[in-house]
Structures are given as structure tokens and as C-alpha cells.
Amino acid sequence: SVLASKNKSPIILINDNLNKSTKDFVSTNKSNFKNVTIFGGEAVVKEPTISSLFGAFRSGETRSDTKEVAAERWDRSYLKDYHIELPDSGKLDIEYDINNFTRFDLIVLDIKNNEIIKKSYNYLKNNKSIHDNYNDIRLPKGKYIVRVHAFNMDGTYTIKAKYTQEGEGFEKENNNDIKTANVIEPNKSIIGSIHNYNDVDYYKFTLNEKGSLKINLKHNQYGRYGFKVSLLDENNKSISQFISGGEDINSYSNKLRLPKGTYFVKIECEKWNDEPLQYELNLVYDIEGENYESEPNDYIQDANYIKCNKEYIGNIQSRDDRDYYKINLNSDSKITINFKHDEGYEKWIIYLYDKDNNPIRRFKSYGYEINKDFNPIELEAGEYYVSVEGRDSLDYTINVKREAPDKSDDENKRVRRR
């Protein structure tokens, strides 16, 4: 280290009786080096590093290198670092061919030697040839190392790297936590990728008015791999999540009714993967008016106030969701709850409560009952609540129809006291 500091140049130690490929490399590329000292050792063989071998890329540029690796000892390995520099955020695509190695590792590291991706091939047979790629590695501007690590050093490899600068409409790393989330807009697609099983992508968006939201995720068919997609509030609390499996190439979340505010989408791999998984994210958002349910309304104290004889549209967005509505009767009344929905396979349960949350009546609407009037009930003037729960995320329409009580008919009289 003292000598390296004094010479202000790299030092390579090598035994003259070992590693012919390294000596040939130095001889071939000696014009690229300055004041190099060579030394030897018994552990990993590392070829001299040229800091600009791949150097600074231009967008769309491909650079490659081919090496024939040979060694007299089989208990040693070959390691080579290619230093590259990306002038702006974008994606890196790596294509490679390998032949006659018992093991081969392709690794990309940041400048601090933190591993970004690693692709390994183990227990390869003699003369085994592999052509493969590791694409869609999205990286921020900076310097990186593409590392090749080979075992049974009697083989050849070719490696190609292509850099593509990406602008609006593409994920920008690093966005691995809520603080570094990419800012996106509803109804505009963005393309991103999970480049290994540790990668997590966060996106931040704002709704200026209440409305309905569906999270749409498209991707190629990935077989056993897939994505886990979560919607979070501004305090990082989960609102909803869904799995987009490898076969689910065009997935949607349930319809989510949200108040205005700031939210986050979190995307991660659903199963361990050692290949990049590219996706396209879109937030399908529609502004909704006063005749639509407003979340959160899961508890009686958060109930939406509704008027009698007017239709309101809502939906059950998860199995834990329950929708509360509040009505005020300024006089004794007979009410009939009308409940509509498209044909489905599940059922809804509707409750009528008094002002103290005591149940008065329970109703059911099955999937085939697309337009149903429940039995009327007479109520005294006052404050009441209606709740809806179920397992179907279809939109429903609810209308509390009100008329004067039929007090002349003692048989139908059902005035409930507060």
C-alpha cells in the first residue's frame, strides 16, 4: 500500500510461474497502464483493472469484451472487474456467452461494492455453452462495476453491456423506500423493474379530489415469479394489497374509493427471483361526486350522511371493509331500503341501526338479486344508520326510500322507539 501510494498507480503481484492469461493480458494492454508493479499470490487471480475499460457510456451505446481464460492450477478462480459510468439514470442490459466453466458468476456492484444483482451458474459440465442476458437493470447516474467471476479457468466468455438513458415514464432508482419514492400522476403509465429479490419500488401520488382508484399492473408472463402490490397512506399504513402472479399479465386491484390526499404504491417481488422482472404501472382514477361513497366510513362515527329518496353508489373494497351511512328522519316515517348491483357470485348483508348502534333489522342481497326492495319498516323520527358489508367488490347502489307511516293499518305498524 505504501508503494501504491508513492507510485499513484495500481499494483499487481503475480508469480512468474503462474497465470499465463494474466501475463498475456498485461503484455497486450501495456499501453493502457502506467507505473504498474506486478506481484503474485495463491488465492483469487485478479486481472489488472483499467478504470475506463468500459468507461462512460452514451445512451444506446453497446460495449463488449471477449476473454479466453486458462490456468495451470484448478484450485484457483478468475475474477475481472469492468468499471463503467452512467451519465444519467437509465437501464443497463447485459448479454453474455460462456463456455467450459464449472461455475460462472455475473455481478453488478455500486462504487461502494454493494451488490446490486448477481446471476450464478453452478455445476456446469465440461464444454457447456450458455447464452443468456440480464436486462432491465435500472440504475441512477453514477459509477458501477460489472464483475465476472469464473471457475475452472479453461474457458471463454463474451460480455456485452448496453446503456439506455430513460426519461419521463420510466422508474428512476433509487426508490427503495417511502422517502425516495418516484412521484407519478394518476392515469399515466410508468415502466419499472424489480431487478432482484431485495429490490422494492415506491411511487408517490396525490389525489386533489375524492374518487375511485384501480391499480393496474401489466407484465410479461413470468411463470412462478410475480409481484406483490400495496397501496399505502401517507403514514406508510397499508390500505390494500394484491398479488399479480407470473401468469397474470394484466392485473387490477379492487376498486378503491379514496378521499383526497397523498398515497404511495409499493411494488416488490412475490417470490424469490434471480432475474429482472419488468412491469408497467398505471393508476386508473376517476373523480366522483357527492352521490358516491366517501372512504373512510368503516365505523359509525365516520358514516357518510345521505339523504332519503336519493341513490348513492359504493363498494366493498376488501373483506375488512364496511360502509356506514347516516340518515335523519325529521318525523315518523316508513322506510324501504332499495339495493342494486350487477349480477355476482357473493352476497351483501345490510344492517339498520339506531343512533346507539343497536341493530334494528338485518337484510341480505344475493348475487342474483340485482334490484331488491327489502321489507319496509316504520321508524320514529330520529337518527339512524345503515351499514353494508360483503365479499364482492362490485359497485352497489343504495337508496333509503321514505314515505309517511301507514298508522291506520295496525297489522303493518312497525314504529320503532328511540
Foldseek 3Di string as FASTA:
>chain_A
DVVCVVQVFEEAADDPVWFPQLVVVCVVCVVLGDPYHHRHDDAEHEHDERQCPVEEDDAFDKDKDKDFFDIPDQVYKYKYKHKYFYQFWFWKKKKKKKFAFQKKKKWKAAPVRHTDAIDMDHRDDGGDMDIDMFTQHTAGGTMMITMIMTGNGRIMMMMMMHTHDDDPQEDHPPAQDPVNAAEDEAPGKHKHKQFFQSGKHKYKYWDPAWWKKKKKKAFAQDPAKWKKKFKAAPVRHTDDIDIQGSRNRIDIAQIDTEGTHMMMMMMGMPDGDRHMTMMMIHIHIDHDDPLEAYPPAQDQVNAAEDEAPDKHKYFQRAQSGKHKYKYFFQFKKKKKKKKAFAADAKKKKKFKAAPVRHTDDIDMDGRVNGIDIDDIAIEGGGMMMMMMHIHDGTMMMIHIHIDHDPVVDVVRHHYDDD
